[in-house]
Amino acid sequence: GSSLLMNYGLLHLLVGYFGLWATPSQAFIIV
């Protein structure tokens, strides 16, 4: 759950704000 919240925030930051591609952003967050 904690990871999901951090993942959610980071996905919004990387994809929604910075406009990066979703799948590479998710891969980075997984690491």
PDB file of all heavy atoms in Angstrom:
ATOM      1  N   GLY A   1       0.818  -1.209   0.000  1.00  0.00           N
ATOM      2  CA  GLY A   1       0.000   0.000   0.000  1.00  0.00           C
ATOM      3  C   GLY A   1       0.853   1.260   0.000  1.00  0.00           C
ATOM      4  O   GLY A   1       0.577   2.211  -0.736  1.00  0.00           O
ATOM      5  N   SER A   2       1.895   1.256   0.822  1.00  0.00           N
ATOM      6  CA  SER A   2       2.821   2.400   0.851  1.00  0.00           C
ATOM      7  C   SER A   2       3.493   2.567  -0.503  1.00  0.00           C
ATOM      8  O   SER A   2       3.614   3.688  -1.012  1.00  0.00           O
ATOM      9  CB  SER A   2       3.887   2.198   1.930  1.00  0.00           C
ATOM     10  OG  SER A   2       3.297   2.096   3.190  1.00  0.00           O
ATOM     11  N   SER A   3       3.927   1.458  -1.078  1.00  0.00           N
ATOM     12  CA  SER A   3       4.556   1.504  -2.396  1.00  0.00           C
ATOM     13  C   SER A   3       3.571   2.002  -3.444  1.00  0.00           C
ATOM     14  O   SER A   3       3.941   2.759  -4.344  1.00  0.00           O
ATOM     15  CB  SER A   3       5.081   0.127  -2.797  1.00  0.00           C
ATOM     16  OG  SER A   3       6.127  -0.270  -1.953  1.00  0.00           O
ATOM     17  N   LEU A   4       2.314   1.575  -3.314  1.00  0.00           N
ATOM     18  CA  LEU A   4       1.291   2.008  -4.261  1.00  0.00           C
ATOM     19  C   LEU A   4       1.082   3.513  -4.190  1.00  0.00           C
ATOM     20  O   LEU A   4       0.989   4.183  -5.228  1.00  0.00           O
ATOM     21  CB  LEU A   4      -0.024   1.277  -3.984  1.00  0.00           C
ATOM     22  CG  LEU A   4      -1.193   1.590  -4.907  1.00  0.00           C
ATOM     23  CD1 LEU A   4      -0.867   1.220  -6.348  1.00  0.00           C
ATOM     24  CD2 LEU A   4      -2.434   0.863  -4.449  1.00  0.00           C
ATOM     25  N   LEU A   5       1.038   4.050  -2.984  1.00  0.00           N
ATOM     26  CA  LEU A   5       0.882   5.499  -2.842  1.00  0.00           C
ATOM     27  C   LEU A   5       2.081   6.245  -3.424  1.00  0.00           C
ATOM     28  O   LEU A   5       1.914   7.246  -4.137  1.00  0.00           O
ATOM     29  CB  LEU A   5       0.691   5.872  -1.375  1.00  0.00           C
ATOM     30  CG  LEU A   5      -0.645   5.475  -0.755  1.00  0.00           C
ATOM     31  CD1 LEU A   5      -0.662   5.781   0.745  1.00  0.00           C
ATOM     32  CD2 LEU A   5      -1.802   6.175  -1.461  1.00  0.00           C
ATOM     33  N   MET A   6       3.290   5.745  -3.128  1.00  0.00           N
ATOM     34  CA  MET A   6       4.487   6.373  -3.697  1.00  0.00           C
ATOM     35  C   MET A   6       4.490   6.204  -5.219  1.00  0.00           C
ATOM     36  O   MET A   6       4.837   7.135  -5.959  1.00  0.00           O
ATOM     37  CB  MET A   6       5.746   5.787  -3.078  1.00  0.00           C
ATOM     38  CG  MET A   6       5.956   6.207  -1.632  1.00  0.00           C
ATOM     39  SD  MET A   6       7.510   5.635  -0.936  1.00  0.00           S
ATOM     40  CE  MET A   6       7.048   3.997  -0.385  1.00  0.00           C
ATOM     41  N   ASN A   7       4.100   5.020  -5.687  1.00  0.00           N
ATOM     42  CA  ASN A   7       4.024   4.742  -7.114  1.00  0.00           C
ATOM     43  C   ASN A   7       3.031   5.690  -7.787  1.00  0.00           C
ATOM     44  O   ASN A   7       3.314   6.268  -8.839  1.00  0.00           O
ATOM     45  CB  ASN A   7       3.601   3.284  -7.307  1.00  0.00           C
ATOM     46  CG  ASN A   7       3.779   2.791  -8.716  1.00  0.00           C
ATOM     47  OD1 ASN A   7       4.242   3.489  -9.592  1.00  0.00           O
ATOM     48  ND2 ASN A   7       3.387   1.562  -8.939  1.00  0.00           N
ATOM     49  N   TYR A   8       1.873   5.855  -7.164  1.00  0.00           N
ATOM     50  CA  TYR A   8       0.836   6.750  -7.677  1.00  0.00           C
ATOM     51  C   TYR A   8       1.389   8.171  -7.833  1.00  0.00           C
ATOM     52  O   TYR A   8       1.249   8.795  -8.883  1.00  0.00           O
ATOM     53  CB  TYR A   8      -0.362   6.727  -6.731  1.00  0.00           C
ATOM     54  CG  TYR A   8      -1.497   7.635  -7.116  1.00  0.00           C
ATOM     55  CD1 TYR A   8      -2.431   7.229  -8.057  1.00  0.00           C
ATOM     56  CD2 TYR A   8      -1.651   8.888  -6.534  1.00  0.00           C
ATOM     57  CE1 TYR A   8      -3.490   8.053  -8.417  1.00  0.00           C
ATOM     58  CE2 TYR A   8      -2.694   9.717  -6.890  1.00  0.00           C
ATOM     59  CZ  TYR A   8      -3.610   9.288  -7.828  1.00  0.00           C
ATOM     60  OH  TYR A   8      -4.648  10.110  -8.185  1.00  0.00           O
ATOM     61  N   GLY A   9       2.006   8.670  -6.776  1.00  0.00           N
ATOM     62  CA  GLY A   9       2.563  10.020  -6.827  1.00  0.00           C
ATOM     63  C   GLY A   9       3.657  10.161  -7.869  1.00  0.00           C
ATOM     64  O   GLY A   9       3.684  11.137  -8.628  1.00  0.00           O
ATOM     65  N   LEU A  10       4.544   9.168  -7.919  1.00  0.00           N
ATOM     66  CA  LEU A  10       5.636   9.238  -8.891  1.00  0.00           C
ATOM     67  C   LEU A  10       5.133   9.090 -10.328  1.00  0.00           C
ATOM     68  O   LEU A  10       5.641   9.756 -11.230  1.00  0.00           O
ATOM     69  CB  LEU A  10       6.686   8.167  -8.578  1.00  0.00           C
ATOM     70  CG  LEU A  10       7.539   8.436  -7.334  1.00  0.00           C
ATOM     71  CD1 LEU A  10       8.370   7.218  -6.973  1.00  0.00           C
ATOM     72  CD2 LEU A  10       8.432   9.650  -7.554  1.00  0.00           C
ATOM     73  N   LEU A  11       4.142   8.224 -10.550  1.00  0.00           N
ATOM     74  CA  LEU A  11       3.572   8.100 -11.896  1.00  0.00           C
ATOM     75  C   LEU A  11       2.941   9.421 -12.341  1.00  0.00           C
ATOM     76  O   LEU A  11       3.138   9.859 -13.476  1.00  0.00           O
ATOM     77  CB  LEU A  11       2.523   6.990 -11.942  1.00  0.00           C
ATOM     78  CG  LEU A  11       2.963   5.626 -12.429  1.00  0.00           C
ATOM     79  CD1 LEU A  11       1.837   4.621 -12.331  1.00  0.00           C
ATOM     80  CD2 LEU A  11       3.536   5.653 -13.819  1.00  0.00           C
ATOM     81  N   HIS A  12       2.189  10.052 -11.439  1.00  0.00           N
ATOM     82  CA  HIS A  12       1.602  11.344 -11.793  1.00  0.00           C
ATOM     83  C   HIS A  12       2.686  12.381 -12.068  1.00  0.00           C
ATOM     84  O   HIS A  12       2.546  13.193 -12.995  1.00  0.00           O
ATOM     85  CB  HIS A  12       0.661  11.843 -10.693  1.00  0.00           C
ATOM     86  CG  HIS A  12      -0.740  11.362 -10.850  1.00  0.00           C
ATOM     87  ND1 HIS A  12      -1.513  11.628 -11.952  1.00  0.00           N
ATOM     88  CD2 HIS A  12      -1.516  10.607 -10.039  1.00  0.00           C
ATOM     89  CE1 HIS A  12      -2.697  11.074 -11.821  1.00  0.00           C
ATOM     90  NE2 HIS A  12      -2.725  10.437 -10.668  1.00  0.00           N
ATOM     91  N   LEU A  13       3.734  12.349 -11.285  1.00  0.00           N
ATOM     92  CA  LEU A  13       4.828  13.301 -11.488  1.00  0.00           C
ATOM     93  C   LEU A  13       5.518  13.058 -12.831  1.00  0.00           C
ATOM     94  O   LEU A  13       5.676  13.975 -13.638  1.00  0.00           O
ATOM     95  CB  LEU A  13       5.845  13.192 -10.340  1.00  0.00           C
ATOM     96  CG  LEU A  13       7.067  14.093 -10.440  1.00  0.00           C
ATOM     97  CD1 LEU A  13       6.664  15.552 -10.261  1.00  0.00           C
ATOM     98  CD2 LEU A  13       8.094  13.696  -9.392  1.00  0.00           C
ATOM     99  N   LEU A  14       5.927  11.800 -13.062  1.00  0.00           N
ATOM    100  CA  LEU A  14       6.704  11.500 -14.265  1.00  0.00           C
ATOM    101  C   LEU A  14       5.870  11.538 -15.542  1.00  0.00           C
ATOM    102  O   LEU A  14       6.319  12.068 -16.564  1.00  0.00           O
ATOM    103  CB  LEU A  14       7.375  10.126 -14.125  1.00  0.00           C
ATOM    104  CG  LEU A  14       8.405   9.998 -12.997  1.00  0.00           C
ATOM    105  CD1 LEU A  14       8.926   8.571 -12.899  1.00  0.00           C
ATOM    106  CD2 LEU A  14       9.558  10.973 -13.187  1.00  0.00           C
ATOM    107  N   VAL A  15       4.653  10.986 -15.495  1.00  0.00           N
ATOM    108  CA  VAL A  15       3.821  10.925 -16.701  1.00  0.00           C
ATOM    109  C   VAL A  15       2.944  12.165 -16.825  1.00  0.00           C
ATOM    110  O   VAL A  15       2.922  12.820 -17.867  1.00  0.00           O
ATOM    111  CB  VAL A  15       2.954   9.637 -16.712  1.00  0.00           C
ATOM    112  CG1 VAL A  15       2.053   9.601 -17.942  1.00  0.00           C
ATOM    113  CG2 VAL A  15       3.831   8.393 -16.654  1.00  0.00           C
ATOM    114  N   GLY A  16       2.227  12.485 -15.748  1.00  0.00           N
ATOM    115  CA  GLY A  16       1.283  13.592 -15.805  1.00  0.00           C
ATOM    116  C   GLY A  16       1.939  14.961 -15.840  1.00  0.00           C
ATOM    117  O   GLY A  16       1.473  15.860 -16.535  1.00  0.00           O
ATOM    118  N   TYR A  17       3.030  15.137 -15.101  1.00  0.00           N
ATOM    119  CA  TYR A  17       3.659  16.460 -15.013  1.00  0.00           C
ATOM    120  C   TYR A  17       4.805  16.620 -16.010  1.00  0.00           C
ATOM    121  O   TYR A  17       4.871  17.587 -16.750  1.00  0.00           O
ATOM    122  CB  TYR A  17       4.147  16.709 -13.591  1.00  0.00           C
ATOM    123  CG  TYR A  17       4.749  18.078 -13.389  1.00  0.00           C
ATOM    124  CD1 TYR A  17       3.936  19.213 -13.335  1.00  0.00           C
ATOM    125  CD2 TYR A  17       6.119  18.239 -13.258  1.00  0.00           C
ATOM    126  CE1 TYR A  17       4.484  20.477 -13.169  1.00  0.00           C
ATOM    127  CE2 TYR A  17       6.679  19.491 -13.090  1.00  0.00           C
ATOM    128  CZ  TYR A  17       5.861  20.608 -13.036  1.00  0.00           C
ATOM    129  OH  TYR A  17       6.407  21.851 -12.870  1.00  0.00           O
ATOM    130  N   PHE A  18       5.745  15.631 -16.016  1.00  0.00           N
ATOM    131  CA  PHE A  18       6.911  15.726 -16.897  1.00  0.00           C
ATOM    132  C   PHE A  18       6.634  15.207 -18.306  1.00  0.00           C
ATOM    133  O   PHE A  18       7.438  15.422 -19.209  1.00  0.00           O
ATOM    134  CB  PHE A  18       8.116  14.988 -16.302  1.00  0.00           C
ATOM    135  CG  PHE A  18       8.694  15.669 -15.093  1.00  0.00           C
ATOM    136  CD1 PHE A  18       8.774  14.986 -13.883  1.00  0.00           C
ATOM    137  CD2 PHE A  18       9.157  16.973 -15.150  1.00  0.00           C
ATOM    138  CE1 PHE A  18       9.303  15.602 -12.761  1.00  0.00           C
ATOM    139  CE2 PHE A  18       9.690  17.598 -14.029  1.00  0.00           C
ATOM    140  CZ  PHE A  18       9.762  16.912 -12.834  1.00  0.00           C
ATOM    141  N   GLY A  19       5.528  14.476 -18.495  1.00  0.00           N
ATOM    142  CA  GLY A  19       5.160  13.995 -19.829  1.00  0.00           C
ATOM    143  C   GLY A  19       5.998  12.833 -20.334  1.00  0.00           C
ATOM    144  O   GLY A  19       6.070  12.609 -21.537  1.00  0.00           O
ATOM    145  N   LEU A  20       6.605  12.072 -19.428  1.00  0.00           N
ATOM    146  CA  LEU A  20       7.406  10.919 -19.842  1.00  0.00           C
ATOM    147  C   LEU A  20       6.490   9.762 -20.220  1.00  0.00           C
ATOM    148  O   LEU A  20       5.318   9.729 -19.852  1.00  0.00           O
ATOM    149  CB  LEU A  20       8.348  10.497 -18.715  1.00  0.00           C
ATOM    150  CG  LEU A  20       9.349  11.563 -18.250  1.00  0.00           C
ATOM    151  CD1 LEU A  20      10.156  11.061 -17.055  1.00  0.00           C
ATOM    152  CD2 LEU A  20      10.283  11.959 -19.386  1.00  0.00           C
ATOM    153  N   TRP A  21       7.022   8.791 -20.935  1.00  0.00           N
ATOM    154  CA  TRP A  21       6.248   7.619 -21.325  1.00  0.00           C
ATOM    155  C   TRP A  21       5.896   6.803 -20.101  1.00  0.00           C
ATOM    156  O   TRP A  21       6.690   6.668 -19.160  1.00  0.00           O
ATOM    157  CB  TRP A  21       7.022   6.767 -22.306  1.00  0.00           C
ATOM    158  CG  TRP A  21       7.186   7.398 -23.664  1.00  0.00           C
ATOM    159  CD1 TRP A  21       6.487   8.455 -24.184  1.00  0.00           C
ATOM    160  CD2 TRP A  21       8.123   7.003 -24.661  1.00  0.00           C
ATOM    161  NE1 TRP A  21       6.919   8.736 -25.438  1.00  0.00           N
ATOM    162  CE2 TRP A  21       7.935   7.866 -25.768  1.00  0.00           C
ATOM    163  CE3 TRP A  21       9.089   6.033 -24.745  1.00  0.00           C
ATOM    164  CZ2 TRP A  21       8.676   7.750 -26.935  1.00  0.00           C
ATOM    165  CZ3 TRP A  21       9.834   5.917 -25.900  1.00  0.00           C
ATOM    166  CH2 TRP A  21       9.625   6.772 -26.985  1.00  0.00           C
ATOM    167  N   ALA A  22       4.713   6.206 -20.119  1.00  0.00           N
ATOM    168  CA  ALA A  22       4.190   5.505 -18.940  1.00  0.00           C
ATOM    169  C   ALA A  22       4.978   4.237 -18.589  1.00  0.00           C
ATOM    170  O   ALA A  22       5.337   4.028 -17.429  1.00  0.00           O
ATOM    171  CB  ALA A  22       2.713   5.162 -19.147  1.00  0.00           C
ATOM    172  N   THR A  23       5.260   3.383 -19.566  1.00  0.00           N
ATOM    173  CA  THR A  23       5.913   2.107 -19.251  1.00  0.00           C
ATOM    174  C   THR A  23       7.341   2.284 -18.746  1.00  0.00           C
ATOM    175  O   THR A  23       7.699   1.697 -17.721  1.00  0.00           O
ATOM    176  CB  THR A  23       5.847   1.145 -20.459  1.00  0.00           C
ATOM    177  OG1 THR A  23       4.467   0.959 -20.815  1.00  0.00           O
ATOM    178  CG2 THR A  23       6.458  -0.207 -20.123  1.00  0.00           C
ATOM    179  N   PRO A  24       8.204   3.098 -19.377  1.00  0.00           N
ATOM    180  CA  PRO A  24       9.542   3.305 -18.804  1.00  0.00           C
ATOM    181  C   PRO A  24       9.486   3.984 -17.431  1.00  0.00           C
ATOM    182  O   PRO A  24      10.307   3.680 -16.553  1.00  0.00           O
ATOM    183  CB  PRO A  24      10.246   4.213 -19.825  1.00  0.00           C
ATOM    184  CG  PRO A  24       9.504   4.011 -21.092  1.00  0.00           C
ATOM    185  CD  PRO A  24       8.089   3.697 -20.708  1.00  0.00           C
ATOM    186  N   SER A  25       8.525   4.864 -17.238  1.00  0.00           N
ATOM    187  CA  SER A  25       8.366   5.499 -15.928  1.00  0.00           C
ATOM    188  C   SER A  25       8.023   4.458 -14.877  1.00  0.00           C
ATOM    189  O   SER A  25       8.578   4.458 -13.774  1.00  0.00           O
ATOM    190  CB  SER A  25       7.271   6.565 -15.970  1.00  0.00           C
ATOM    191  OG  SER A  25       7.631   7.616 -16.832  1.00  0.00           O
ATOM    192  N   GLN A  26       7.116   3.548 -15.223  1.00  0.00           N
ATOM    193  CA  GLN A  26       6.736   2.486 -14.290  1.00  0.00           C
ATOM    194  C   GLN A  26       7.931   1.579 -14.000  1.00  0.00           C
ATOM    195  O   GLN A  26       8.134   1.162 -12.860  1.00  0.00           O
ATOM    196  CB  GLN A  26       5.559   1.684 -14.849  1.00  0.00           C
ATOM    197  CG  GLN A  26       5.102   0.559 -13.944  1.00  0.00           C
ATOM    198  CD  GLN A  26       4.519   1.043 -12.627  1.00  0.00           C
ATOM    199  OE1 GLN A  26       4.238   2.215 -12.444  1.00  0.00           O
ATOM    200  NE2 GLN A  26       4.348   0.133 -11.704  1.00  0.00           N
ATOM    201  N   ALA A  27       8.737   1.275 -14.991  1.00  0.00           N
ATOM    202  CA  ALA A  27       9.921   0.433 -14.789  1.00  0.00           C
ATOM    203  C   ALA A  27      10.885   1.104 -13.808  1.00  0.00           C
ATOM    204  O   ALA A  27      11.422   0.454 -12.895  1.00  0.00           O
ATOM    205  CB  ALA A  27      10.617   0.166 -16.124  1.00  0.00           C
ATOM    206  N   PHE A  28      11.112   2.391 -13.959  1.00  0.00           N
ATOM    207  CA  PHE A  28      11.982   3.134 -13.059  1.00  0.00           C
ATOM    208  C   PHE A  28      11.445   3.110 -11.630  1.00  0.00           C
ATOM    209  O   PHE A  28      12.184   2.889 -10.668  1.00  0.00           O
ATOM    210  CB  PHE A  28      12.124   4.584 -13.561  1.00  0.00           C
ATOM    211  CG  PHE A  28      12.856   5.483 -12.620  1.00  0.00           C
ATOM    212  CD1 PHE A  28      14.230   5.372 -12.444  1.00  0.00           C
ATOM    213  CD2 PHE A  28      12.174   6.449 -11.893  1.00  0.00           C
ATOM    214  CE1 PHE A  28      14.908   6.194 -11.567  1.00  0.00           C
ATOM    215  CE2 PHE A  28      12.843   7.279 -11.013  1.00  0.00           C
ATOM    216  CZ  PHE A  28      14.215   7.154 -10.849  1.00  0.00           C
ATOM    217  N   ILE A  29      10.151   3.300 -11.499  1.00  0.00           N
ATOM    218  CA  ILE A  29       9.521   3.303 -10.177  1.00  0.00           C
ATOM    219  C   ILE A  29       9.628   1.926  -9.525  1.00  0.00           C
ATOM    220  O   ILE A  29       9.852   1.820  -8.318  1.00  0.00           O
ATOM    221  CB  ILE A  29       8.052   3.773 -10.290  1.00  0.00           C
ATOM    222  CG1 ILE A  29       8.014   5.252 -10.691  1.00  0.00           C
ATOM    223  CG2 ILE A  29       7.301   3.546  -8.990  1.00  0.00           C
ATOM    224  CD1 ILE A  29       6.650   5.738 -11.139  1.00  0.00           C
ATOM    225  N   ILE A  30       9.492   0.869 -10.312  1.00  0.00           N
ATOM    226  CA  ILE A  30       9.621  -0.490  -9.775  1.00  0.00           C
ATOM    227  C   ILE A  30      10.993  -0.694  -9.139  1.00  0.00           C
ATOM    228  O   ILE A  30      11.107  -1.281  -8.064  1.00  0.00           O
ATOM    229  CB  ILE A  30       9.348  -1.542 -10.877  1.00  0.00           C
ATOM    230  CG1 ILE A  30       7.848  -1.613 -11.171  1.00  0.00           C
ATOM    231  CG2 ILE A  30       9.873  -2.918 -10.470  1.00  0.00           C
ATOM    232  CD1 ILE A  30       7.482  -2.466 -12.386  1.00  0.00           C
ATOM    233  N   VAL A  31      12.028  -0.187  -9.752  1.00  0.00           N
ATOM    234  CA  VAL A  31      13.382  -0.311  -9.193  1.00  0.00           C
ATOM    235  C   VAL A  31      13.470   0.406  -7.844  1.00  0.00           C
ATOM    236  O   VAL A  31      13.979  -0.144  -6.862  1.00  0.00           O
ATOM    237  CB  VAL A  31      14.434   0.236 -10.183  1.00  0.00           C
ATOM    238  CG1 VAL A  31      15.810   0.309  -9.536  1.00  0.00           C
ATOM    239  CG2 VAL A  31      14.483  -0.634 -11.432  1.00  0.00           C
TER     240      VAL A  31
END
